Each structure stands twice: as structure tokens, then as C-alpha cells.
């Protein structure tokens, strides 16, 4: 299991990668853990990443499908964590800490 902690404005967001499953937890939602469907996606950010979804009425659903497909393609928890860090950085999330298997956190 790998946990990555991000700052997004005044909010703290934790991403947990466990056996290929990615969940998100936000300080604004308490300790509630959700999969990608629970994360806030901005239309501008999705269009920046996937320009073909600009005129799509189901842009959020399609972006979520593409994210899940990408997670299935990656083989290890480390690869998934690195992808999530690089992907969320583009949208204003600032990575701060990474923790593997419950050991000490490592500053990113």
C-alpha cells in the first residue's frame, strides 16, 4: 500500500494505492474514502488533458473511464503512484508526502 498526500489550496487530499485500486480521501470530506468517481474534476482540466471531450455532454464519465483504464495498464503500485503524482500535479495539486507500507513518510 502506498499513500500520497497532496495540498490543493487549503484542502489536504490523500491518494491511497492498494493492490491496483486507487482511492481518494479529502480533508473537506472527513475520513471518507472514495474511488475516482468521488474526486472533483474541473471541466477545464479535463479538456486540457483530453481535448476531444470538449463538446461531449458526458465528459466527466468518459474522463473517469480513461483514468481507470490507465490504472489497469500500469503493473505495480509504485508505477500507479508515480502516474497519479504526475497527473494531479498538472491540475494544481501539490504533492507533499509519500508513505509506503506504513513506514515513515518521505517528503516529495
C-alpha atoms as a PDB file:
ATOM      1  CA  UNK A   1       0.000   0.000   0.000  1.00  0.00           C
ATOM      2  CA  UNK A   2       1.252   3.467  -0.921  1.00  0.00           C
ATOM      3  CA  UNK A   3      -0.248   6.734   0.322  1.00  0.00           C
ATOM      4  CA  UNK A   4       0.467  10.091  -1.285  1.00  0.00           C
ATOM      5  CA  UNK A   5      -0.603  13.325   0.394  1.00  0.00           C
ATOM      6  CA  UNK A   6      -1.310  16.438  -1.686  1.00  0.00           C
ATOM      7  CA  UNK A   7      -2.227  20.008  -0.857  1.00  0.00           C
ATOM      8  CA  UNK A   8      -4.910  21.571  -3.033  1.00  0.00           C
ATOM      9  CA  UNK A   9      -5.396  25.135  -1.849  1.00  0.00           C
ATOM     10  CA  UNK A  10      -6.369  24.838   1.804  1.00  0.00           C
ATOM     11  CA  UNK A  11      -7.523  21.249   1.365  1.00  0.00           C
ATOM     12  CA  UNK A  12      -5.459  18.133   2.081  1.00  0.00           C
ATOM     13  CA  UNK A  13      -6.037  15.218  -0.288  1.00  0.00           C
ATOM     14  CA  UNK A  14      -4.756  11.687   0.308  1.00  0.00           C
ATOM     15  CA  UNK A  15      -4.462   9.176  -2.505  1.00  0.00           C
ATOM     16  CA  UNK A  16      -4.150   5.540  -1.467  1.00  0.00           C
ATOM     17  CA  UNK A  17      -2.953   2.855  -3.889  1.00  0.00           C
ATOM     18  CA  UNK A  18      -3.712  -0.624  -2.603  1.00  0.00           C
ATOM     19  CA  UNK A  19      -3.267  -3.667  -4.876  1.00  0.00           C
ATOM     20  CA  UNK A  20      -4.022  -1.667  -8.011  1.00  0.00           C
ATOM     21  CA  UNK A  21      -7.067   0.061  -6.527  1.00  0.00           C
ATOM     22  CA  UNK A  22      -6.841   3.845  -6.202  1.00  0.00           C
ATOM     23  CA  UNK A  23      -8.925   5.691  -3.613  1.00  0.00           C
ATOM     24  CA  UNK A  24      -9.090   9.357  -2.645  1.00  0.00           C
ATOM     25  CA  UNK A  25      -9.727  10.989   0.712  1.00  0.00           C
ATOM     26  CA  UNK A  26     -10.117  14.730   1.318  1.00  0.00           C
ATOM     27  CA  UNK A  27      -9.923  16.855   4.445  1.00  0.00           C
ATOM     28  CA  UNK A  28     -13.177  18.526   3.421  1.00  0.00           C
ATOM     29  CA  UNK A  29     -14.971  15.157   3.426  1.00  0.00           C
ATOM     30  CA  UNK A  30     -13.590  13.885   6.715  1.00  0.00           C
ATOM     31  CA  UNK A  31     -12.178  10.384   6.626  1.00  0.00           C
ATOM     32  CA  UNK A  32     -14.410   9.201   3.775  1.00  0.00           C
ATOM     33  CA  UNK A  33     -12.523   7.211   1.142  1.00  0.00           C
ATOM     34  CA  UNK A  34     -13.861   7.135  -2.406  1.00  0.00           C
ATOM     35  CA  UNK A  35     -12.709   5.904  -5.774  1.00  0.00           C
ATOM     36  CA  UNK A  36     -12.165   8.232  -8.741  1.00  0.00           C
ATOM     37  CA  UNK A  37     -15.898   8.936  -9.010  1.00  0.00           C
ATOM     38  CA  UNK A  38     -15.663  10.865  -5.732  1.00  0.00           C
ATOM     39  CA  UNK A  39     -12.945  13.295  -6.824  1.00  0.00           C
ATOM     40  CA  UNK A  40     -13.776  16.751  -8.105  1.00  0.00           C
ATOM     41  CA  UNK A  41     -12.892  17.190 -11.761  1.00  0.00           C
ATOM     42  CA  UNK A  42     -12.880  20.576 -13.404  1.00  0.00           C
ATOM     43  CA  UNK A  43     -14.161  20.768 -16.944  1.00  0.00           C
ATOM     44  CA  UNK A  44     -11.186  22.942 -17.936  1.00  0.00           C
ATOM     45  CA  UNK A  45      -8.695  20.431 -16.540  1.00  0.00           C
ATOM     46  CA  UNK A  46     -10.351  17.501 -18.284  1.00  0.00           C
ATOM     47  CA  UNK A  47     -10.433  19.371 -21.599  1.00  0.00           C
ATOM     48  CA  UNK A  48      -6.753  20.251 -21.151  1.00  0.00           C
ATOM     49  CA  UNK A  49      -5.933  16.565 -20.723  1.00  0.00           C
ATOM     50  CA  UNK A  50      -8.452  15.200 -23.243  1.00  0.00           C
ATOM     51  CA  UNK A  51      -9.242  17.865 -25.880  1.00  0.00           C
ATOM     52  CA  UNK A  52     -11.626  15.514 -27.700  1.00  0.00           C
ATOM     53  CA  UNK A  53     -14.071  15.720 -24.746  1.00  0.00           C
ATOM     54  CA  UNK A  54     -14.656  19.453 -25.248  1.00  0.00           C
ATOM     55  CA  UNK A  55     -18.133  19.114 -26.740  1.00  0.00           C
ATOM     56  CA  UNK A  56     -19.098  15.880 -25.015  1.00  0.00           C
ATOM     57  CA  UNK A  57     -22.082  16.039 -22.645  1.00  0.00           C
ATOM     58  CA  UNK A  58     -20.667  13.069 -20.675  1.00  0.00           C
ATOM     59  CA  UNK A  59     -17.132  14.463 -20.319  1.00  0.00           C
ATOM     60  CA  UNK A  60     -16.777  13.533 -16.642  1.00  0.00           C
ATOM     61  CA  UNK A  61     -17.840   9.903 -17.114  1.00  0.00           C
ATOM     62  CA  UNK A  62     -15.509   9.489 -20.083  1.00  0.00           C
ATOM     63  CA  UNK A  63     -12.562  11.028 -18.185  1.00  0.00           C
ATOM     64  CA  UNK A  64     -13.177   8.632 -15.293  1.00  0.00           C
ATOM     65  CA  UNK A  65     -13.269   5.650 -17.680  1.00  0.00           C
ATOM     66  CA  UNK A  66      -9.960   6.725 -19.218  1.00  0.00           C
ATOM     67  CA  UNK A  67      -8.352   7.143 -15.803  1.00  0.00           C
ATOM     68  CA  UNK A  68      -9.485   3.678 -14.702  1.00  0.00           C
ATOM     69  CA  UNK A  69      -8.243   2.155 -17.965  1.00  0.00           C
ATOM     70  CA  UNK A  70      -4.843   3.776 -17.425  1.00  0.00           C
ATOM     71  CA  UNK A  71      -4.667   2.353 -13.880  1.00  0.00           C
ATOM     72  CA  UNK A  72      -5.332  -1.149 -15.228  1.00  0.00           C
ATOM     73  CA  UNK A  73      -2.456  -0.780 -17.722  1.00  0.00           C
ATOM     74  CA  UNK A  74       0.115   0.013 -15.015  1.00  0.00           C
ATOM     75  CA  UNK A  75       1.627  -3.030 -13.370  1.00  0.00           C
ATOM     76  CA  UNK A  76       2.864  -2.015  -9.892  1.00  0.00           C
ATOM     77  CA  UNK A  77       1.658   0.143  -7.024  1.00  0.00           C
ATOM     78  CA  UNK A  78       4.769   2.314  -7.411  1.00  0.00           C
ATOM     79  CA  UNK A  79       4.036   2.934 -11.102  1.00  0.00           C
ATOM     80  CA  UNK A  80       0.429   3.859 -10.292  1.00  0.00           C
ATOM     81  CA  UNK A  81       1.536   6.236  -7.502  1.00  0.00           C
ATOM     82  CA  UNK A  82       4.034   7.973  -9.793  1.00  0.00           C
ATOM     83  CA  UNK A  83       1.396   8.345 -12.511  1.00  0.00           C
ATOM     84  CA  UNK A  84      -1.089   9.839 -10.032  1.00  0.00           C
ATOM     85  CA  UNK A  85       1.540  12.297  -8.759  1.00  0.00           C
ATOM     86  CA  UNK A  86       2.464  13.450 -12.265  1.00  0.00           C
ATOM     87  CA  UNK A  87      -1.170  13.619 -13.388  1.00  0.00           C
ATOM     88  CA  UNK A  88      -2.544  15.566 -10.409  1.00  0.00           C
ATOM     89  CA  UNK A  89       0.396  17.978 -10.448  1.00  0.00           C
ATOM     90  CA  UNK A  90      -0.871  19.270 -13.788  1.00  0.00           C
ATOM     91  CA  UNK A  91      -4.142  20.318 -12.165  1.00  0.00           C
ATOM     92  CA  UNK A  92      -2.771  22.275  -9.219  1.00  0.00           C
ATOM     93  CA  UNK A  93      -2.349  19.512  -6.647  1.00  0.00           C
ATOM     94  CA  UNK A  94       0.961  19.910  -4.780  1.00  0.00           C
ATOM     95  CA  UNK A  95       2.479  16.567  -3.694  1.00  0.00           C
ATOM     96  CA  UNK A  96       3.982  16.716  -0.186  1.00  0.00           C
ATOM     97  CA  UNK A  97       4.420  13.246   1.309  1.00  0.00           C
ATOM     98  CA  UNK A  98       4.633   9.626   0.211  1.00  0.00           C
ATOM     99  CA  UNK A  99       4.325   6.665   2.563  1.00  0.00           C
ATOM    100  CA  UNK A 100       4.915   3.011   1.671  1.00  0.00           C
ATOM    101  CA  UNK A 101       3.534   0.082   3.657  1.00  0.00           C
ATOM    102  CA  UNK A 102       3.048   2.192   6.795  1.00  0.00           C
ATOM    103  CA  UNK A 103       6.722   3.158   7.131  1.00  0.00           C
ATOM    104  CA  UNK A 104       7.915   6.732   7.645  1.00  0.00           C
ATOM    105  CA  UNK A 105       6.697   9.336   5.250  1.00  0.00           C
ATOM    106  CA  UNK A 106       9.098  10.583   2.609  1.00  0.00           C
ATOM    107  CA  UNK A 107       8.923  14.226   1.545  1.00  0.00           C
ATOM    108  CA  UNK A 108       8.378  14.636  -2.188  1.00  0.00           C
END
